[in-house]
Structure formats: C-alpha cells, structure tokens
C-alpha cells in the first residue's frame, strides 16, 4: 500500500498550511477563515517513482457528541476500531456528523494520522474528545504542534499530546524550510515500518529535486542572458528616409521584446518552483519598475570600482589569448593592453543602451537596426534581477500567502563570495556576452552563484 497520511484536527489550526508545505504546491487552498476545507481532498506527492498520499480533511465540528455515540456501549480496546466503522456506515450519523465522517473515512481506509494543533493557543480539555476518537482508530499517529502566532504554549501541548500520539513534533507550517520538511519526512518513516523504505526513497528524491531545480534555474538564466545580450531587431525599408522614420517604432518593439523575455524567464522559474499563487507585481516580490532604468543599475549590477576591476580581469584574459597565439613574442603586451582597453569608459556608459543605425543593403534598399545593448553592466543587471527572483522562489514556503520582504541582490557582493577562479570565469563569460560573442557552457559557469544561500 502507498503510504497515506490524513491531516486532521480542530478547524483553523493550520491543517491546509501543513498540506501546502508538504505538497510543495501553493495551489492548495489556505485561509485563516474556519472551515476552508469541507471535504477530504487527496494530494499525490511523487518523485522519481517514490511517493505518498496526503489527505486534507475538514476539522472536527462535534467531537464530544461523536465520542458519546461511540461510547454508548462499553467496549474493549480491540473492538473500538470496529465501532468507528459502524459510525461511518450509520446513515443517521452521516447526516448529523458530515465533517467527522469525511475526516475519519480515510483513516479507517488505512491512512496514518497527522494531528495538527496551534501551539500559540492554550491547551484545554475540549481537544481530548477528538484525540480520543483518533486513538480509537488504532492507526499510526503523529501530532504536529504548529506555532501559528507564537510558541508560548508548546510545552503544555507536548505534555498532553504525548499521552495520545506515538510521535510529537513542532512544525511551523508557514516558516518551515526544505530541511525541516525533510526532517519531518524522516519522522514519518518511524510511524509505520512497512512504509520506511518507500519514504526513504522519497527523501532522496527530494534531495535530487533540489539539484535538478538548481540546474534548470541556471539553464533558464543562461538562455535569458544569451538572448537579451545578443538581441538585435532589423526592419527593411525602400528608402533611407523611410528607414529613419522607423526608428521610434523599432525602438519600442525592441524594448518591449526585451521586457517580455525577462518576464517569461521569471515565469518559467516560478512554474519550476510551483508557486502558482504568487503575484510578482505585489510587494512580496518587487523588482525595479523597468529593466532599463539605468539609475538602478549600480544598485543591481556592478558599481564603478567593481566594473574597473572586472574590466582589467576580462581585458587581460582576452589579451592573454593573443599572447599565447604568438607564442609569447609580445612579451605580455597583449595582456597589458587588454586590461587598459577593458577599463575604459565603455564599461560605464549606459546613456545610449542600444543605438539605432540605418544601413544601405547590397541589393538595394535600406535597413534600420536596433541593438544590441553595449553596456558592460547590462548582463550583471540581468543576472542580479534573475538571482533575486530565484532566491525568493526557491526558499519560499508554499503555505506562505502574506507579504515577503527580500533584500535586493547586488550581484557584485554575491560574486565576492565565490572563489577567485569562479569569479574570473563569470567575468570573462559576461564580458564575451556584452560583446555578442558565444559562451560555451554558460549555465555551468553560472552554477556557483545559484548555490549561495
């Protein structure tokens, strides 16, 4: 049997948040309004052929009356699960206790119990009826203390829950990171021995998924950089006058395409991390209004000091290739010259991002051409904005629905965390892109940036 876990508890204690976090999918309905879940909903969590079933259930509504019905006749412990099955089959009970019927059905079909309570609220005896009902089922059980707005009552909850459940864990459904998620899965393996091997396989699959998502993120970033740094737009015209008249239209089309390409790359990243509900225009993920707002470029890309340093490194690298080509006969003049040339004002200028030109065609007529962008800072700005979105999405808990404030990424500061050789490879690659030269294995070159937390 595939491992299955029914998430149960009192209304409005974070059950759906737990499901959304464990499913790593923000399409699961989460609300602070009691009774969001009215029917049991099943979610298949699968990776690399391993997985389990997660069942979101309605909250207990009338547990004391249900327990009173179950206790109408004295029963020994071995008969209690059968009594619950009688309750599920009773037509009058189905009409009178629909929420408890929905809640208990998957448990009696074999699901283990994940009982969720709010650790920020004081423990009271009113919960004991529902915990006793769950104990009657005889199914493997774990309690999760979800500190929704604080942990001041966690200790008293733990004392009470340990009397009813085999395992008790504190799990903040909205703030839990991937490591805490994996630790909870490891606890699941202790609930029911026949499921342990399957769940261990799933844990390994989660680790594999992290690496795959990171590699795919690098690939998306590399394609975005290559596309935007090399993009040109051409339009043919019969006369030079007509070609010049196209300039404004061509410029608008050029920048619209560039903006749309960046948005699409961020969309791909958001889909990769399964954040379907996140609106990037809202405050929780706010980018500068315009990719081409050059006043923001030093905040996102490299500052002038960093650009000068990078120019010397990238220029010297290009010059060294020339020295090698002539067997060193230039006595390193190429490296020196390359460094000087790379440090010129061409590295800083951003006033004319993508000049437009009009050229005559060999076979007659004219062509208006827009782009590419020449600024050496442009690929760093693109990369910084992408890293910003990446960091938000890969770390964001799927149960989180509120505002998330993230510090802006100044890519120069991120680069400084890399090893010298890694930085040099990135400097050289982005320099080539800014000169519209091909870069081999760009995604692999960028990979170290995506491993920094």
Protein backbone atom coordinates (compact mmCIF):
# COMPACT_ATOMS: atom_id res chain seq x y z
CA UNK A 1 0.00 0.00 0.00
CA UNK A 2 1.21 3.52 -0.81
CA UNK A 3 1.91 5.48 2.40
CA UNK A 4 -1.01 7.78 3.20
CA UNK A 5 -1.36 10.48 5.83
CA UNK A 6 -4.60 12.16 6.85
CA UNK A 7 -4.08 15.70 8.17
CA UNK A 8 -6.71 16.19 10.88
CA UNK A 9 -7.54 18.44 13.79
CA UNK A 10 -9.63 21.32 15.06
CA UNK A 11 -10.75 23.91 12.47
CA UNK A 12 -8.38 26.78 11.68
CA UNK A 13 -5.24 25.26 13.19
CA UNK A 14 -3.15 25.21 10.03
CA UNK A 15 -4.05 21.82 8.53
CA UNK A 16 -4.20 23.13 4.95
CA UNK A 17 -0.96 25.05 5.52
CA UNK A 18 0.73 21.80 6.51
CA UNK A 19 -0.63 20.15 3.35
CA UNK A 20 0.52 23.02 1.14
CA UNK A 21 4.01 22.94 2.65
CA UNK A 22 4.41 19.17 2.38
CA UNK A 23 2.95 19.11 -1.13
CA UNK A 24 5.32 21.97 -2.10
CA UNK A 25 2.43 23.46 -4.04
CA UNK A 26 0.71 26.77 -3.25
CA UNK A 27 -2.40 25.82 -5.22
CA UNK A 28 -3.66 24.13 -2.02
CA UNK A 29 -6.35 26.41 -0.54
CA UNK A 30 -5.15 28.13 2.63
CA UNK A 31 -7.23 30.58 4.63
CA UNK A 32 -7.48 31.99 8.15
CA UNK A 33 -11.24 31.53 7.85
CA UNK A 34 -12.52 28.48 9.69
CA UNK A 35 -13.93 25.71 7.53
CA UNK A 36 -11.95 26.34 4.32
CA UNK A 37 -11.75 22.57 3.79
CA UNK A 38 -15.23 20.99 3.71
CA UNK A 39 -14.40 17.68 2.01
CA UNK A 40 -11.41 15.39 2.22
CA UNK A 41 -9.01 16.23 -0.61
CA UNK A 42 -6.21 13.90 -1.65
CA UNK A 43 -2.80 15.01 -2.99
CA UNK A 44 -0.31 12.61 -4.57
CA UNK A 45 3.28 13.52 -3.62
CA UNK A 46 5.51 11.72 -6.13
CA UNK A 47 9.13 11.99 -7.22
CA UNK A 48 11.34 9.53 -9.09
CA UNK A 49 8.82 6.71 -8.68
CA UNK A 50 8.53 7.22 -4.91
CA UNK A 51 5.75 8.99 -3.08
CA UNK A 52 2.89 9.09 -0.65
CA UNK A 53 -0.67 10.34 -0.38
CA UNK A 54 -1.55 13.41 1.67
CA UNK A 55 -5.20 13.92 2.61
CA UNK A 56 -6.50 17.29 3.74
CA UNK A 57 -9.63 16.81 5.85
CA UNK A 58 -12.36 19.02 7.37
CA UNK A 59 -11.90 19.99 11.00
CA UNK A 60 -13.70 18.31 13.88
CA UNK A 61 -17.03 20.06 14.47
CA UNK A 62 -18.86 17.96 17.11
CA UNK A 63 -16.26 15.61 18.61
CA UNK A 64 -17.91 15.28 22.04
CA UNK A 65 -21.18 14.09 20.54
CA UNK A 66 -19.34 11.70 18.23
CA UNK A 67 -17.38 10.28 21.16
CA UNK A 68 -20.62 9.95 23.15
CA UNK A 69 -22.13 7.95 20.26
CA UNK A 70 -19.08 5.68 20.15
CA UNK A 71 -19.21 5.12 23.92
CA UNK A 72 -22.91 4.21 24.09
CA UNK A 73 -21.86 0.67 24.88
CA UNK A 74 -18.75 -0.45 26.79
CA UNK A 75 -16.10 -1.88 24.51
CA UNK A 76 -12.69 -3.43 24.96
CA UNK A 77 -9.80 -1.83 23.07
CA UNK A 78 -9.82 -4.46 20.32
CA UNK A 79 -13.43 -3.56 19.40
CA UNK A 80 -13.05 0.23 19.15
CA UNK A 81 -11.93 0.41 15.50
CA UNK A 82 -14.95 -1.67 14.58
CA UNK A 83 -17.19 0.76 16.43
CA UNK A 84 -15.81 3.63 14.34
CA UNK A 85 -16.65 1.66 11.18
CA UNK A 86 -20.20 1.29 12.49
CA UNK A 87 -20.30 5.07 12.94
CA UNK A 88 -19.15 5.61 9.33
CA UNK A 89 -21.82 3.22 7.99
CA UNK A 90 -24.68 4.64 10.06
CA UNK A 91 -26.95 6.78 7.81
CA UNK A 92 -28.14 8.98 10.67
CA UNK A 93 -24.52 9.70 11.66
CA UNK A 94 -23.70 10.55 8.05
CA UNK A 95 -26.36 13.24 8.11
CA UNK A 96 -25.64 14.50 11.61
CA UNK A 97 -21.79 14.46 11.53
CA UNK A 98 -20.70 15.00 7.90
CA UNK A 99 -17.33 16.59 8.79
CA UNK A 100 -16.33 13.78 11.15
CA UNK A 101 -17.41 11.22 8.53
CA UNK A 102 -15.14 12.90 5.91
CA UNK A 103 -12.32 13.11 8.44
CA UNK A 104 -12.43 9.53 9.71
CA UNK A 105 -13.06 7.72 6.42
CA UNK A 106 -9.50 7.93 5.01
CA UNK A 107 -8.07 6.98 8.42
CA UNK A 108 -10.16 3.81 8.56
CA UNK A 109 -9.13 3.11 4.97
CA UNK A 110 -5.53 2.86 6.18
CA UNK A 111 -4.10 6.38 6.39
CA UNK A 112 -1.79 7.34 9.24
CA UNK A 113 -2.81 10.33 11.36
CA UNK A 114 -1.16 13.78 11.36
CA UNK A 115 -2.96 15.67 14.11
CA UNK A 116 -2.34 19.44 13.89
CA UNK A 117 -2.74 21.83 16.82
CA UNK A 118 -1.94 25.53 17.32
CA UNK A 119 0.94 25.91 19.77
CA UNK A 120 0.21 29.60 20.26
CA UNK A 121 -3.15 28.83 21.90
CA UNK A 122 -3.54 27.39 25.38
CA UNK A 123 -4.27 23.70 25.71
CA UNK A 124 -7.74 22.80 27.01
CA UNK A 125 -9.71 19.65 27.68
CA UNK A 126 -12.02 20.35 24.73
CA UNK A 127 -9.44 18.74 22.43
CA UNK A 128 -9.40 15.47 24.35
CA UNK A 129 -12.61 14.18 22.73
CA UNK A 130 -11.17 14.39 19.23
CA UNK A 131 -7.83 12.92 20.34
CA UNK A 132 -9.66 10.04 22.00
CA UNK A 133 -11.64 9.37 18.82
CA UNK A 134 -8.39 9.23 16.85
CA UNK A 135 -6.86 6.87 19.40
CA UNK A 136 -9.85 4.54 18.93
CA UNK A 137 -8.91 4.12 15.26
CA UNK A 138 -5.70 2.30 16.18
CA UNK A 139 -3.84 3.85 13.23
CA UNK A 140 -0.21 5.05 13.37
CA UNK A 141 -0.29 8.64 14.58
CA UNK A 142 1.82 11.76 14.94
CA UNK A 143 0.95 15.16 16.38
CA UNK A 144 2.28 18.37 14.84
CA UNK A 145 2.38 21.49 17.01
CA UNK A 146 2.02 24.42 14.62
CA UNK A 147 3.03 27.68 16.39
CA UNK A 148 0.83 29.94 14.28
CA UNK A 149 1.46 33.17 16.20
CA UNK A 150 3.90 32.11 18.93
CA UNK A 151 5.25 29.15 20.88
CA UNK A 152 4.32 30.07 24.44
CA UNK A 153 2.03 27.04 24.88
CA UNK A 154 4.12 24.43 23.07
CA UNK A 155 5.32 22.79 26.29
CA UNK A 156 1.82 22.14 27.71
CA UNK A 157 0.64 20.84 24.33
CA UNK A 158 3.60 18.46 24.17
CA UNK A 159 2.78 17.05 27.64
CA UNK A 160 -0.81 16.35 26.62
CA UNK A 161 -0.15 15.06 23.11
CA UNK A 162 2.47 12.54 24.22
CA UNK A 163 -0.31 10.68 26.06
CA UNK A 164 -2.24 10.14 22.81
CA UNK A 165 0.26 10.03 19.92
CA UNK A 166 3.33 7.96 19.13
CA UNK A 167 5.36 10.94 17.90
CA UNK A 168 5.07 14.66 18.65
CA UNK A 169 6.90 17.32 16.59
CA UNK A 170 6.90 21.12 16.43
CA UNK A 171 6.40 22.15 12.80
CA UNK A 172 5.76 25.75 11.71
CA UNK A 173 3.74 25.16 8.57
CA UNK A 174 4.34 28.66 7.17
CA UNK A 175 8.01 29.17 8.06
CA UNK A 176 9.41 25.65 7.69
CA UNK A 177 12.24 25.40 5.16
CA UNK A 178 13.15 22.45 2.96
CA UNK A 179 15.44 20.93 5.60
CA UNK A 180 12.66 20.97 8.21
CA UNK A 181 10.36 19.43 5.61
CA UNK A 182 12.83 16.59 5.06
CA UNK A 183 13.27 16.11 8.82
CA UNK A 184 9.50 15.67 9.11
CA UNK A 185 9.54 13.06 6.34
CA UNK A 186 12.28 11.23 8.24
CA UNK A 187 9.98 11.20 11.27
CA UNK A 188 7.24 9.70 9.07
CA UNK A 189 9.48 6.68 8.45
CA UNK A 190 9.22 5.83 12.18
CA UNK A 191 5.42 5.70 12.17
CA UNK A 192 4.86 2.53 10.18
CA UNK A 193 7.78 0.20 9.40
CA UNK A 194 6.40 -1.18 6.08
CA UNK A 195 6.46 2.40 4.69
CA UNK A 196 10.01 3.22 5.78
CA UNK A 197 11.83 2.13 2.62
CA UNK A 198 9.42 3.97 0.31
CA UNK A 199 9.66 7.16 2.36
CA UNK A 200 13.47 6.97 2.48
CA UNK A 201 13.41 6.77 -1.31
CA UNK A 202 11.22 9.88 -1.38
CA UNK A 203 13.64 11.76 0.88
CA UNK A 204 16.46 11.00 -1.53
CA UNK A 205 14.23 12.10 -4.40
CA UNK A 206 13.69 15.44 -2.64
CA UNK A 207 17.44 15.96 -2.48
CA UNK A 208 17.69 15.08 -6.16
CA UNK A 209 14.91 17.53 -7.00
CA UNK A 210 16.78 20.39 -5.30
CA UNK A 211 19.79 19.75 -7.55
CA UNK A 212 17.63 19.43 -10.67
CA UNK A 213 15.74 22.66 -9.96
CA UNK A 214 19.02 24.48 -9.39
CA UNK A 215 20.44 23.17 -12.68
CA UNK A 216 17.25 24.14 -14.54
CA UNK A 217 17.37 27.60 -12.96
CA UNK A 218 20.94 28.03 -14.24
CA UNK A 219 19.83 26.96 -17.71
CA UNK A 220 16.96 29.49 -17.75
CA UNK A 221 19.32 32.25 -16.58
CA UNK A 222 21.91 31.37 -19.22
CA UNK A 223 19.36 31.47 -22.04
CA UNK A 224 17.98 34.80 -20.81
CA UNK A 225 21.45 36.35 -20.75
CA UNK A 226 22.35 35.00 -24.18
CA UNK A 227 19.08 36.11 -25.74
CA UNK A 228 18.99 39.63 -24.33
CA UNK A 229 22.67 40.47 -24.63
CA UNK A 230 22.73 39.48 -28.30
CA UNK A 231 19.28 40.63 -29.38
CA UNK A 232 19.01 42.82 -32.47
CA UNK A 233 15.93 43.97 -34.34
CA UNK A 234 16.03 44.79 -38.05
CA UNK A 235 13.47 46.26 -40.42
CA UNK A 236 13.92 46.75 -44.16
CA UNK A 237 12.74 49.88 -45.98
CA UNK A 238 12.79 51.12 -49.57
CA UNK A 239 14.42 54.46 -48.79
CA UNK A 240 16.78 55.91 -46.21
CA UNK A 241 14.07 58.34 -45.17
CA UNK A 242 11.61 55.51 -44.55
CA UNK A 243 14.24 53.61 -42.58
CA UNK A 244 14.86 56.61 -40.31
CA UNK A 245 11.11 57.05 -39.84
CA UNK A 246 11.00 53.52 -38.43
CA UNK A 247 13.37 54.39 -35.59
CA UNK A 248 10.78 55.17 -32.91
CA UNK A 249 8.62 52.14 -33.72
CA UNK A 250 11.68 49.89 -33.85
CA UNK A 251 12.93 51.16 -30.52
CA UNK A 252 9.56 50.50 -28.86
CA UNK A 253 9.36 46.99 -30.29
CA UNK A 254 12.93 46.28 -29.24
CA UNK A 255 12.46 47.18 -25.59
CA UNK A 256 9.03 45.54 -25.41
CA UNK A 257 10.55 42.27 -26.60
CA UNK A 258 13.37 42.51 -24.07
CA UNK A 259 11.00 43.21 -21.18
CA UNK A 260 8.71 40.37 -22.22
CA UNK A 261 11.64 37.96 -22.48
CA UNK A 262 12.71 38.73 -18.92
CA UNK A 263 9.16 38.28 -17.60
CA UNK A 264 8.85 34.95 -19.38
CA UNK A 265 12.12 33.73 -17.84
CA UNK A 266 10.85 34.68 -14.38
CA UNK A 267 7.55 32.91 -15.19
CA UNK A 268 9.49 29.75 -16.02
CA UNK A 269 11.30 29.99 -12.70
CA UNK A 270 8.04 30.47 -10.81
CA UNK A 271 6.50 27.44 -12.55
CA UNK A 272 9.62 25.37 -11.82
CA UNK A 273 9.17 26.01 -8.08
CA UNK A 274 5.35 25.57 -8.21
CA UNK A 275 4.41 28.99 -6.85
CA UNK A 276 1.14 29.35 -8.75
CA UNK A 277 -0.45 31.98 -6.50
CA UNK A 278 2.46 34.40 -6.14
CA UNK A 279 1.85 37.75 -7.87
CA UNK A 280 5.24 39.19 -8.68
CA UNK A 281 3.86 42.71 -9.15
CA UNK A 282 2.95 42.85 -5.47
CA UNK A 283 5.19 43.94 -2.65
CA UNK A 284 6.39 40.46 -1.74
CA UNK A 285 8.48 40.26 -4.92
CA UNK A 286 9.04 43.79 -6.16
CA UNK A 287 11.60 44.50 -8.85
CA UNK A 288 12.51 47.99 -10.09
CA UNK A 289 9.80 49.18 -12.44
CA UNK A 290 11.91 48.91 -15.57
CA UNK A 291 14.80 46.69 -16.58
CA UNK A 292 16.20 49.67 -18.50
CA UNK A 293 16.07 52.16 -15.61
CA UNK A 294 19.81 52.83 -15.63
CA UNK A 295 19.64 54.85 -12.41
CA UNK A 296 19.11 51.47 -10.70
CA UNK A 297 21.93 49.70 -12.46
CA UNK A 298 24.65 50.28 -9.89
CA UNK A 299 22.26 49.05 -7.18
CA UNK A 300 21.73 45.77 -9.04
CA UNK A 301 24.78 45.28 -11.22
CA UNK A 302 28.37 46.33 -10.50
CA UNK A 303 29.46 49.69 -9.17
CA UNK A 304 32.21 51.69 -10.91
CA UNK A 305 35.00 50.31 -8.75
CA UNK A 306 33.89 46.73 -9.41
CA UNK A 307 33.48 47.43 -13.13
CA UNK A 308 37.04 48.76 -13.33
CA UNK A 309 38.37 45.67 -11.57
CA UNK A 310 36.34 43.32 -13.77
CA UNK A 311 37.35 45.21 -16.91
CA UNK A 312 41.01 44.68 -16.12
CA UNK A 313 40.50 40.97 -15.43
CA UNK A 314 38.35 40.34 -18.51
CA UNK A 315 40.53 42.52 -20.72
CA UNK A 316 43.71 40.85 -19.52
CA UNK A 317 42.15 37.45 -20.16
CA UNK A 318 41.38 38.43 -23.74
CA UNK A 319 44.92 39.80 -24.17
CA UNK A 320 46.48 36.63 -22.79
CA UNK A 321 44.84 34.68 -25.58
CA UNK A 322 46.66 36.94 -28.06
CA UNK A 323 49.99 36.36 -26.29
CA UNK A 324 49.52 32.63 -26.49
CA UNK A 325 48.65 32.89 -30.16
CA UNK A 326 52.02 34.47 -30.94
CA UNK A 327 53.95 32.16 -28.61
CA UNK A 328 54.60 34.93 -26.10
CA UNK A 329 56.57 37.10 -28.52
CA UNK A 330 54.54 40.15 -27.50
CA UNK A 331 56.14 39.91 -24.02
CA UNK A 332 52.68 40.17 -22.41
CA UNK A 333 51.85 43.39 -24.24
CA UNK A 334 48.54 41.81 -25.17
CA UNK A 335 47.55 41.24 -21.54
CA UNK A 336 48.60 44.73 -20.51
CA UNK A 337 46.83 46.33 -23.45
CA UNK A 338 43.73 44.26 -22.91
CA UNK A 339 43.49 45.38 -19.30
CA UNK A 340 43.83 49.04 -20.23
CA UNK A 341 41.31 48.85 -23.03
CA UNK A 342 38.84 46.97 -20.83
CA UNK A 343 38.99 49.69 -18.18
CA UNK A 344 37.83 52.49 -20.44
CA UNK A 345 34.55 54.38 -20.13
CA UNK A 346 32.84 51.89 -22.40
CA UNK A 347 32.37 49.81 -19.26
CA UNK A 348 30.33 52.51 -17.57
CA UNK A 349 28.25 54.21 -20.26
CA UNK A 350 24.54 53.48 -20.17
CA UNK A 351 23.04 56.61 -21.70
CA UNK A 352 22.71 55.00 -25.12
CA UNK A 353 21.72 51.46 -24.35
CA UNK A 354 21.01 50.19 -27.85
CA UNK A 355 21.87 52.54 -30.66
CA UNK A 356 19.83 52.50 -33.82
CA UNK A 357 21.53 52.56 -37.21
CA UNK A 358 20.45 52.81 -40.83
CA UNK A 359 22.47 50.95 -43.44
CA UNK A 360 22.20 50.53 -47.16
CA UNK A 361 21.71 46.99 -48.43
CA UNK A 362 23.93 45.49 -51.15
CA UNK A 363 20.98 44.68 -53.39
CA UNK A 364 19.20 47.96 -52.87
CA UNK A 365 17.02 49.46 -50.17
CA UNK A 366 17.89 50.22 -46.56
CA UNK A 367 17.72 48.52 -43.19
CA UNK A 368 17.02 50.08 -39.78
CA UNK A 369 18.69 48.18 -36.97
CA UNK A 370 18.19 48.42 -33.19
CA UNK A 371 20.59 46.86 -30.70
CA UNK A 372 22.36 45.11 -29.21
CA UNK A 373 22.94 46.80 -25.85
CA UNK A 374 26.63 47.64 -25.47
CA UNK A 375 26.82 48.39 -21.74
CA UNK A 376 29.18 46.05 -19.89
CA UNK A 377 26.95 46.30 -16.82
CA UNK A 378 23.84 45.06 -18.61
CA UNK A 379 24.45 41.28 -18.19
CA UNK A 380 25.21 41.80 -14.49
CA UNK A 381 21.93 43.67 -14.00
CA UNK A 382 20.00 40.93 -15.81
CA UNK A 383 21.71 38.29 -13.71
CA UNK A 384 21.10 40.15 -10.44
CA UNK A 385 17.38 40.52 -11.14
CA UNK A 386 17.12 36.83 -12.02
CA UNK A 387 19.01 35.81 -8.87
CA UNK A 388 16.64 37.96 -6.83
CA UNK A 389 13.58 36.11 -8.16
CA UNK A 390 15.37 32.75 -7.83
CA UNK A 391 16.25 33.32 -4.18
CA UNK A 392 12.69 34.25 -3.30
CA UNK A 393 11.12 31.30 -5.09
CA UNK A 394 13.48 28.51 -4.06
CA UNK A 395 13.33 29.48 -0.38
CA UNK A 396 9.66 30.46 -0.17
CA UNK A 397 7.39 28.17 1.83
CA UNK A 398 4.37 27.12 -0.26
CA UNK A 399 1.95 27.82 2.59
CA UNK A 400 3.06 31.45 2.77
CA UNK A 401 0.38 33.79 1.42
CA UNK A 402 1.35 37.08 3.03
CA UNK A 403 3.97 39.70 2.26
CA UNK A 404 7.59 38.65 1.95
CA UNK A 405 10.32 41.28 2.07
CA UNK A 406 13.60 40.27 0.45
CA UNK A 407 16.80 42.29 0.33
CA UNK A 408 17.82 43.41 -3.15
CA UNK A 409 20.65 41.45 -4.74
CA UNK A 410 23.75 43.49 -5.58
CA UNK A 411 25.44 40.98 -7.81
CA UNK A 412 28.93 42.27 -7.04
CA UNK A 413 28.50 41.32 -3.39
CA UNK A 414 27.31 37.85 -4.38
CA UNK A 415 30.28 37.38 -6.71
CA UNK A 416 32.68 38.24 -3.90
CA UNK A 417 31.52 35.10 -2.07
CA UNK A 418 32.86 32.87 -4.85
CA UNK A 419 36.34 31.50 -5.29
CA UNK A 420 38.70 33.64 -7.37
CA UNK A 421 38.71 31.26 -10.32
CA UNK A 422 34.91 31.03 -10.33
CA UNK A 423 34.62 34.84 -10.36
CA UNK A 424 37.12 35.11 -13.19
CA UNK A 425 35.17 32.60 -15.31
CA UNK A 426 31.94 34.56 -14.79
CA UNK A 427 33.64 37.91 -15.53
CA UNK A 428 35.06 36.53 -18.76
CA UNK A 429 31.78 34.92 -19.82
CA UNK A 430 29.72 38.09 -19.24
CA UNK A 431 32.35 40.19 -20.99
CA UNK A 432 32.00 37.97 -24.05
CA UNK A 433 28.22 38.26 -23.91
CA UNK A 434 28.45 42.06 -23.77
CA UNK A 435 30.50 41.87 -26.99
CA UNK A 436 27.98 39.42 -28.53
CA UNK A 437 30.46 36.56 -28.51
CA UNK A 438 29.36 32.96 -27.88
CA UNK A 439 30.00 31.44 -24.44
CA UNK A 440 30.47 27.71 -24.01
CA UNK A 441 28.66 26.07 -21.07
CA UNK A 442 27.35 29.36 -19.66
CA UNK A 443 24.92 27.56 -17.33
CA UNK A 444 27.78 25.60 -15.74
CA UNK A 445 29.81 28.80 -15.35
CA UNK A 446 26.93 30.49 -13.53
CA UNK A 447 26.13 27.48 -11.32
CA UNK A 448 28.20 28.57 -8.26
CA UNK A 449 26.07 31.72 -7.96
CA UNK A 450 22.96 29.57 -7.51
CA UNK A 451 24.47 27.57 -4.67
CA UNK A 452 24.99 30.59 -2.41
CA UNK A 453 22.31 30.90 0.25
